[in-house]
Amino acid sequence: QKYYYAVGYEKNLFYGSFETENDLETTI
């Protein structure tokens, strides 16, 4: 699943996104 997020407080926010595990291959 892809998620969008913002962290911070009031008007001062950092926006980003991330995806959770989605296949059986691992790349580090």
PDB file of all heavy atoms in Angstrom:
ATOM      1  N   GLN A   1       0.837  -1.191   0.000  1.00  0.00           N
ATOM      2  CA  GLN A   1       0.000   0.000   0.000  1.00  0.00           C
ATOM      3  C   GLN A   1       0.878   1.250   0.000  1.00  0.00           C
ATOM      4  O   GLN A   1       1.878   1.317   0.709  1.00  0.00           O
ATOM      5  CB  GLN A   1      -0.916   0.016   1.225  1.00  0.00           C
ATOM      6  CG  GLN A   1      -1.754   1.266   1.384  1.00  0.00           C
ATOM      7  CD  GLN A   1      -2.770   1.415   0.269  1.00  0.00           C
ATOM      8  OE1 GLN A   1      -3.536   0.487  -0.015  1.00  0.00           O
ATOM      9  NE2 GLN A   1      -2.779   2.566  -0.382  1.00  0.00           N
ATOM     10  N   LYS A   2       0.507   2.228  -0.802  1.00  0.00           N
ATOM     11  CA  LYS A   2       1.201   3.513  -0.787  1.00  0.00           C
ATOM     12  C   LYS A   2       0.482   4.457   0.154  1.00  0.00           C
ATOM     13  O   LYS A   2      -0.747   4.561   0.131  1.00  0.00           O
ATOM     14  CB  LYS A   2       1.282   4.124  -2.186  1.00  0.00           C
ATOM     15  CG  LYS A   2       2.105   5.413  -2.220  1.00  0.00           C
ATOM     16  CD  LYS A   2       2.407   5.859  -3.635  1.00  0.00           C
ATOM     17  CE  LYS A   2       3.335   7.070  -3.632  1.00  0.00           C
ATOM     18  NZ  LYS A   2       3.717   7.487  -5.007  1.00  0.00           N
ATOM     19  N   TYR A   3       1.261   5.151   0.999  1.00  0.00           N
ATOM     20  CA  TYR A   3       0.715   6.121   1.946  1.00  0.00           C
ATOM     21  C   TYR A   3       1.368   7.480   1.716  1.00  0.00           C
ATOM     22  O   TYR A   3       2.548   7.581   1.354  1.00  0.00           O
ATOM     23  CB  TYR A   3       0.990   5.684   3.391  1.00  0.00           C
ATOM     24  CG  TYR A   3       0.232   4.460   3.825  1.00  0.00           C
ATOM     25  CD1 TYR A   3       0.809   3.191   3.716  1.00  0.00           C
ATOM     26  CD2 TYR A   3      -1.061   4.553   4.349  1.00  0.00           C
ATOM     27  CE1 TYR A   3       0.126   2.058   4.126  1.00  0.00           C
ATOM     28  CE2 TYR A   3      -1.756   3.426   4.750  1.00  0.00           C
ATOM     29  CZ  TYR A   3      -1.160   2.177   4.635  1.00  0.00           C
ATOM     30  OH  TYR A   3      -1.847   1.056   5.038  1.00  0.00           O
ATOM     31  N   TYR A   4       0.564   8.506   1.961  1.00  0.00           N
ATOM     32  CA  TYR A   4       1.055   9.877   1.924  1.00  0.00           C
ATOM     33  C   TYR A   4       1.020  10.424   3.345  1.00  0.00           C
ATOM     34  O   TYR A   4       0.112  10.107   4.119  1.00  0.00           O
ATOM     35  CB  TYR A   4       0.195  10.736   0.995  1.00  0.00           C
ATOM     36  CG  TYR A   4       0.228  10.278  -0.440  1.00  0.00           C
ATOM     37  CD1 TYR A   4      -0.665   9.300  -0.898  1.00  0.00           C
ATOM     38  CD2 TYR A   4       1.150  10.795  -1.337  1.00  0.00           C
ATOM     39  CE1 TYR A   4      -0.631   8.863  -2.207  1.00  0.00           C
ATOM     40  CE2 TYR A   4       1.182  10.364  -2.667  1.00  0.00           C
ATOM     41  CZ  TYR A   4       0.296   9.406  -3.084  1.00  0.00           C
ATOM     42  OH  TYR A   4       0.326   8.969  -4.387  1.00  0.00           O
ATOM     43  N   TYR A   5       2.008  11.233   3.685  1.00  0.00           N
ATOM     44  CA  TYR A   5       2.066  11.738   5.049  1.00  0.00           C
ATOM     45  C   TYR A   5       2.576  13.172   5.077  1.00  0.00           C
ATOM     46  O   TYR A   5       3.170  13.682   4.108  1.00  0.00           O
ATOM     47  CB  TYR A   5       2.975  10.856   5.913  1.00  0.00           C
ATOM     48  CG  TYR A   5       4.455  10.974   5.606  1.00  0.00           C
ATOM     49  CD1 TYR A   5       5.251  11.922   6.262  1.00  0.00           C
ATOM     50  CD2 TYR A   5       5.060  10.141   4.663  1.00  0.00           C
ATOM     51  CE1 TYR A   5       6.612  12.030   5.985  1.00  0.00           C
ATOM     52  CE2 TYR A   5       6.416  10.244   4.389  1.00  0.00           C
ATOM     53  CZ  TYR A   5       7.183  11.191   5.045  1.00  0.00           C
ATOM     54  OH  TYR A   5       8.520  11.307   4.762  1.00  0.00           O
ATOM     55  N   ALA A   6       2.338  13.812   6.198  1.00  0.00           N
ATOM     56  CA  ALA A   6       2.928  15.113   6.505  1.00  0.00           C
ATOM     57  C   ALA A   6       3.249  15.124   7.987  1.00  0.00           C
ATOM     58  O   ALA A   6       2.427  14.687   8.806  1.00  0.00           O
ATOM     59  CB  ALA A   6       1.967  16.251   6.162  1.00  0.00           C
ATOM     60  N   VAL A   7       4.438  15.562   8.345  1.00  0.00           N
ATOM     61  CA  VAL A   7       4.812  15.659   9.749  1.00  0.00           C
ATOM     62  C   VAL A   7       5.243  17.094  10.048  1.00  0.00           C
ATOM     63  O   VAL A   7       5.753  17.804   9.185  1.00  0.00           O
ATOM     64  CB  VAL A   7       5.944  14.686  10.129  1.00  0.00           C
ATOM     65  CG1 VAL A   7       5.490  13.248   9.984  1.00  0.00           C
ATOM     66  CG2 VAL A   7       7.201  14.946   9.308  1.00  0.00           C
ATOM     67  N   GLY A   8       5.029  17.496  11.283  1.00  0.00           N
ATOM     68  CA  GLY A   8       5.377  18.852  11.701  1.00  0.00           C
ATOM     69  C   GLY A   8       4.297  19.411  12.605  1.00  0.00           C
ATOM     70  O   GLY A   8       3.679  18.675  13.374  1.00  0.00           O
ATOM     71  N   TYR A   9       4.029  20.714  12.462  1.00  0.00           N
ATOM     72  CA  TYR A   9       3.018  21.336  13.307  1.00  0.00           C
ATOM     73  C   TYR A   9       2.464  22.563  12.597  1.00  0.00           C
ATOM     74  O   TYR A   9       3.226  23.395  12.093  1.00  0.00           O
ATOM     75  CB  TYR A   9       3.604  21.732  14.656  1.00  0.00           C
ATOM     76  CG  TYR A   9       2.578  22.253  15.643  1.00  0.00           C
ATOM     77  CD1 TYR A   9       1.514  21.445  16.032  1.00  0.00           C
ATOM     78  CD2 TYR A   9       2.668  23.529  16.167  1.00  0.00           C
ATOM     79  CE1 TYR A   9       0.564  21.906  16.940  1.00  0.00           C
ATOM     80  CE2 TYR A   9       1.733  24.000  17.074  1.00  0.00           C
ATOM     81  CZ  TYR A   9       0.685  23.180  17.452  1.00  0.00           C
ATOM     82  OH  TYR A   9      -0.262  23.640  18.337  1.00  0.00           O
ATOM     83  N   GLU A  10       1.121  22.636  12.573  1.00  0.00           N
ATOM     84  CA  GLU A  10       0.398  23.749  11.969  1.00  0.00           C
ATOM     85  C   GLU A  10       0.837  23.955  10.523  1.00  0.00           C
ATOM     86  O   GLU A  10       0.766  23.049   9.716  1.00  0.00           O
ATOM     87  CB  GLU A  10       0.555  25.009  12.828  1.00  0.00           C
ATOM     88  CG  GLU A  10      -0.107  24.864  14.196  1.00  0.00           C
ATOM     89  CD  GLU A  10       0.000  26.111  15.051  1.00  0.00           C
ATOM     90  OE1 GLU A  10       0.860  26.969  14.771  1.00  0.00           O
ATOM     91  OE2 GLU A  10      -0.786  26.219  16.015  1.00  0.00           O
ATOM     92  N   LYS A  11       1.377  25.135  10.199  1.00  0.00           N
ATOM     93  CA  LYS A  11       1.723  25.423   8.809  1.00  0.00           C
ATOM     94  C   LYS A  11       3.093  24.896   8.410  1.00  0.00           C
ATOM     95  O   LYS A  11       3.421  24.857   7.232  1.00  0.00           O
ATOM     96  CB  LYS A  11       1.668  26.937   8.570  1.00  0.00           C
ATOM     97  CG  LYS A  11       0.285  27.545   8.758  1.00  0.00           C
ATOM     98  CD  LYS A  11       0.328  29.046   8.512  1.00  0.00           C
ATOM     99  CE  LYS A  11      -1.056  29.650   8.717  1.00  0.00           C
ATOM    100  NZ  LYS A  11      -1.032  31.121   8.508  1.00  0.00           N
ATOM    101  N   ASN A  12       3.881  24.501   9.384  1.00  0.00           N
ATOM    102  CA  ASN A  12       5.233  24.037   9.104  1.00  0.00           C
ATOM    103  C   ASN A  12       5.252  22.517   9.013  1.00  0.00           C
ATOM    104  O   ASN A  12       5.420  21.822  10.012  1.00  0.00           O
ATOM    105  CB  ASN A  12       6.183  24.513  10.201  1.00  0.00           C
ATOM    106  CG  ASN A  12       6.280  26.011  10.251  1.00  0.00           C
ATOM    107  OD1 ASN A  12       6.768  26.629   9.304  1.00  0.00           O
ATOM    108  ND2 ASN A  12       5.815  26.607  11.330  1.00  0.00           N
ATOM    109  N   LEU A  13       5.076  22.012   7.806  1.00  0.00           N
ATOM    110  CA  LEU A  13       4.953  20.575   7.600  1.00  0.00           C
ATOM    111  C   LEU A  13       5.926  20.097   6.525  1.00  0.00           C
ATOM    112  O   LEU A  13       6.237  20.819   5.585  1.00  0.00           O
ATOM    113  CB  LEU A  13       3.526  20.209   7.189  1.00  0.00           C
ATOM    114  CG  LEU A  13       2.411  20.481   8.205  1.00  0.00           C
ATOM    115  CD1 LEU A  13       1.056  20.279   7.555  1.00  0.00           C
ATOM    116  CD2 LEU A  13       2.560  19.588   9.414  1.00  0.00           C
ATOM    117  N   PHE A  14       6.386  18.850   6.695  1.00  0.00           N
ATOM    118  CA  PHE A  14       7.173  18.166   5.680  1.00  0.00           C
ATOM    119  C   PHE A  14       6.279  17.108   5.056  1.00  0.00           C
ATOM    120  O   PHE A  14       5.723  16.261   5.758  1.00  0.00           O
ATOM    121  CB  PHE A  14       8.414  17.521   6.306  1.00  0.00           C
ATOM    122  CG  PHE A  14       9.221  16.695   5.341  1.00  0.00           C
ATOM    123  CD1 PHE A  14      10.279  17.265   4.655  1.00  0.00           C
ATOM    124  CD2 PHE A  14       8.935  15.346   5.124  1.00  0.00           C
ATOM    125  CE1 PHE A  14      11.047  16.506   3.759  1.00  0.00           C
ATOM    126  CE2 PHE A  14       9.694  14.583   4.234  1.00  0.00           C
ATOM    127  CZ  PHE A  14      10.741  15.171   3.554  1.00  0.00           C
ATOM    128  N   TYR A  15       6.133  17.133   3.711  1.00  0.00           N
ATOM    129  CA  TYR A  15       5.263  16.192   3.008  1.00  0.00           C
ATOM    130  C   TYR A  15       6.089  15.093   2.356  1.00  0.00           C
ATOM    131  O   TYR A  15       7.168  15.345   1.800  1.00  0.00           O
ATOM    132  CB  TYR A  15       4.454  16.918   1.933  1.00  0.00           C
ATOM    133  CG  TYR A  15       3.387  17.830   2.485  1.00  0.00           C
ATOM    134  CD1 TYR A  15       3.698  19.116   2.919  1.00  0.00           C
ATOM    135  CD2 TYR A  15       2.069  17.402   2.580  1.00  0.00           C
ATOM    136  CE1 TYR A  15       2.726  19.959   3.429  1.00  0.00           C
ATOM    137  CE2 TYR A  15       1.077  18.235   3.087  1.00  0.00           C
ATOM    138  CZ  TYR A  15       1.424  19.508   3.517  1.00  0.00           C
ATOM    139  OH  TYR A  15       0.448  20.340   4.026  1.00  0.00           O
ATOM    140  N   GLY A  16       5.593  13.873   2.433  1.00  0.00           N
ATOM    141  CA  GLY A  16       6.285  12.758   1.812  1.00  0.00           C
ATOM    142  C   GLY A  16       5.343  11.600   1.554  1.00  0.00           C
ATOM    143  O   GLY A  16       4.127  11.687   1.783  1.00  0.00           O
ATOM    144  N   SER A  17       5.909  10.502   1.092  1.00  0.00           N
ATOM    145  CA  SER A  17       5.114   9.296   0.837  1.00  0.00           C
ATOM    146  C   SER A  17       6.018   8.084   1.005  1.00  0.00           C
ATOM    147  O   SER A  17       7.246   8.186   0.966  1.00  0.00           O
ATOM    148  CB  SER A  17       4.510   9.319  -0.565  1.00  0.00           C
ATOM    149  OG  SER A  17       5.535   9.303  -1.546  1.00  0.00           O
ATOM    150  N   PHE A  18       5.396   6.922   1.189  1.00  0.00           N
ATOM    151  CA  PHE A  18       6.145   5.672   1.281  1.00  0.00           C
ATOM    152  C   PHE A  18       5.238   4.528   0.874  1.00  0.00           C
ATOM    153  O   PHE A  18       4.006   4.650   0.860  1.00  0.00           O
ATOM    154  CB  PHE A  18       6.687   5.449   2.704  1.00  0.00           C
ATOM    155  CG  PHE A  18       5.625   5.300   3.765  1.00  0.00           C
ATOM    156  CD1 PHE A  18       5.075   4.056   4.061  1.00  0.00           C
ATOM    157  CD2 PHE A  18       5.183   6.413   4.472  1.00  0.00           C
ATOM    158  CE1 PHE A  18       4.099   3.920   5.032  1.00  0.00           C
ATOM    159  CE2 PHE A  18       4.207   6.289   5.444  1.00  0.00           C
ATOM    160  CZ  PHE A  18       3.660   5.042   5.733  1.00  0.00           C
ATOM    161  N   GLU A  19       5.860   3.400   0.524  1.00  0.00           N
ATOM    162  CA  GLU A  19       5.118   2.191   0.161  1.00  0.00           C
ATOM    163  C   GLU A  19       5.547   1.051   1.066  1.00  0.00           C
ATOM    164  O   GLU A  19       6.729   0.904   1.377  1.00  0.00           O
ATOM    165  CB  GLU A  19       5.372   1.822  -1.295  1.00  0.00           C
ATOM    166  CG  GLU A  19       4.815   2.816  -2.285  1.00  0.00           C
ATOM    167  CD  GLU A  19       4.992   2.368  -3.723  1.00  0.00           C
ATOM    168  OE1 GLU A  19       4.557   1.241  -4.046  1.00  0.00           O
ATOM    169  OE2 GLU A  19       5.581   3.136  -4.502  1.00  0.00           O
ATOM    170  N   THR A  20       4.578   0.253   1.466  1.00  0.00           N
ATOM    171  CA  THR A  20       4.900  -0.930   2.259  1.00  0.00           C
ATOM    172  C   THR A  20       5.273  -2.078   1.322  1.00  0.00           C
ATOM    173  O   THR A  20       5.123  -1.990   0.103  1.00  0.00           O
ATOM    174  CB  THR A  20       3.720  -1.336   3.149  1.00  0.00           C
ATOM    175  OG1 THR A  20       2.530  -1.431   2.351  1.00  0.00           O
ATOM    176  CG2 THR A  20       3.501  -0.306   4.249  1.00  0.00           C
ATOM    177  N   GLU A  21       5.767  -3.160   1.900  1.00  0.00           N
ATOM    178  CA  GLU A  21       6.257  -4.309   1.143  1.00  0.00           C
ATOM    179  C   GLU A  21       5.257  -4.737   0.071  1.00  0.00           C
ATOM    180  O   GLU A  21       4.063  -4.866   0.321  1.00  0.00           O
ATOM    181  CB  GLU A  21       6.490  -5.474   2.120  1.00  0.00           C
ATOM    182  CG  GLU A  21       6.899  -6.769   1.474  1.00  0.00           C
ATOM    183  CD  GLU A  21       6.846  -7.918   2.462  1.00  0.00           C
ATOM    184  OE1 GLU A  21       6.313  -7.739   3.566  1.00  0.00           O
ATOM    185  OE2 GLU A  21       7.343  -8.989   2.110  1.00  0.00           O
ATOM    186  N   ASN A  22       5.796  -4.968  -1.152  1.00  0.00           N
ATOM    187  CA  ASN A  22       4.871  -5.314  -2.236  1.00  0.00           C
ATOM    188  C   ASN A  22       5.348  -6.446  -3.139  1.00  0.00           C
ATOM    189  O   ASN A  22       4.708  -6.735  -4.142  1.00  0.00           O
ATOM    190  CB  ASN A  22       4.568  -4.073  -3.088  1.00  0.00           C
ATOM    191  CG  ASN A  22       5.824  -3.454  -3.671  1.00  0.00           C
ATOM    192  OD1 ASN A  22       6.878  -4.068  -3.641  1.00  0.00           O
ATOM    193  ND2 ASN A  22       5.700  -2.246  -4.189  1.00  0.00           N
ATOM    194  N   ASP A  23       6.487  -7.084  -2.837  1.00  0.00           N
ATOM    195  CA  ASP A  23       6.907  -8.239  -3.629  1.00  0.00           C
ATOM    196  C   ASP A  23       7.832  -9.109  -2.787  1.00  0.00           C
ATOM    197  O   ASP A  23       8.119  -8.800  -1.637  1.00  0.00           O
ATOM    198  CB  ASP A  23       7.595  -7.810  -4.933  1.00  0.00           C
ATOM    199  CG  ASP A  23       8.822  -6.940  -4.696  1.00  0.00           C
ATOM    200  OD1 ASP A  23       9.580  -7.217  -3.754  1.00  0.00           O
ATOM    201  OD2 ASP A  23       9.020  -5.984  -5.463  1.00  0.00           O
ATOM    202  N   LEU A  24       8.290 -10.182  -3.371  1.00  0.00           N
ATOM    203  CA  LEU A  24       9.110 -11.145  -2.645  1.00  0.00           C
ATOM    204  C   LEU A  24      10.605 -10.921  -2.865  1.00  0.00           C
ATOM    205  O   LEU A  24      11.415 -11.696  -2.388  1.00  0.00           O
ATOM    206  CB  LEU A  24       8.722 -12.569  -3.049  1.00  0.00           C
ATOM    207  CG  LEU A  24       7.300 -12.984  -2.671  1.00  0.00           C
ATOM    208  CD1 LEU A  24       7.011 -14.405  -3.149  1.00  0.00           C
ATOM    209  CD2 LEU A  24       7.077 -12.869  -1.171  1.00  0.00           C
ATOM    210  N   GLU A  25      10.963  -9.894  -3.592  1.00  0.00           N
ATOM    211  CA  GLU A  25      12.363  -9.553  -3.800  1.00  0.00           C
ATOM    212  C   GLU A  25      12.765  -8.468  -2.806  1.00  0.00           C
ATOM    213  O   GLU A  25      11.967  -7.593  -2.469  1.00  0.00           O
ATOM    214  CB  GLU A  25      12.593  -9.072  -5.235  1.00  0.00           C
ATOM    215  CG  GLU A  25      12.299 -10.140  -6.284  1.00  0.00           C
ATOM    216  CD  GLU A  25      12.621  -9.658  -7.687  1.00  0.00           C
ATOM    217  OE1 GLU A  25      13.474  -8.768  -7.826  1.00  0.00           O
ATOM    218  OE2 GLU A  25      12.010 -10.178  -8.632  1.00  0.00           O
ATOM    219  N   THR A  26      13.998  -8.528  -2.349  1.00  0.00           N
ATOM    220  CA  THR A  26      14.487  -7.568  -1.366  1.00  0.00           C
ATOM    221  C   THR A  26      15.715  -6.865  -1.925  1.00  0.00           C
ATOM    222  O   THR A  26      16.664  -7.518  -2.374  1.00  0.00           O
ATOM    223  CB  THR A  26      14.862  -8.274  -0.053  1.00  0.00           C
ATOM    224  OG1 THR A  26      13.721  -8.983   0.439  1.00  0.00           O
ATOM    225  CG2 THR A  26      15.319  -7.268   0.997  1.00  0.00           C
ATOM    226  N   THR A  27      15.698  -5.535  -1.893  1.00  0.00           N
ATOM    227  CA  THR A  27      16.830  -4.731  -2.334  1.00  0.00           C
ATOM    228  C   THR A  27      17.213  -3.770  -1.213  1.00  0.00           C
ATOM    229  O   THR A  27      16.396  -2.968  -0.770  1.00  0.00           O
ATOM    230  CB  THR A  27      16.503  -3.931  -3.611  1.00  0.00           C
ATOM    231  OG1 THR A  27      16.068  -4.831  -4.637  1.00  0.00           O
ATOM    232  CG2 THR A  27      17.714  -3.158  -4.099  1.00  0.00           C
ATOM    233  N   ILE A  28      18.445  -3.887  -0.759  1.00  0.00           N
ATOM    234  CA  ILE A  28      18.935  -3.092   0.373  1.00  0.00           C
ATOM    235  C   ILE A  28      20.181  -2.334  -0.071  1.00  0.00           C
ATOM    236  O   ILE A  28      21.114  -2.930  -0.621  1.00  0.00           O
ATOM    237  CB  ILE A  28      19.293  -3.977   1.577  1.00  0.00           C
ATOM    238  CG1 ILE A  28      18.119  -4.881   1.965  1.00  0.00           C
ATOM    239  CG2 ILE A  28      19.737  -3.135   2.772  1.00  0.00           C
ATOM    240  CD1 ILE A  28      18.504  -6.001   2.926  1.00  0.00           C
TER     241      ILE A  28
END
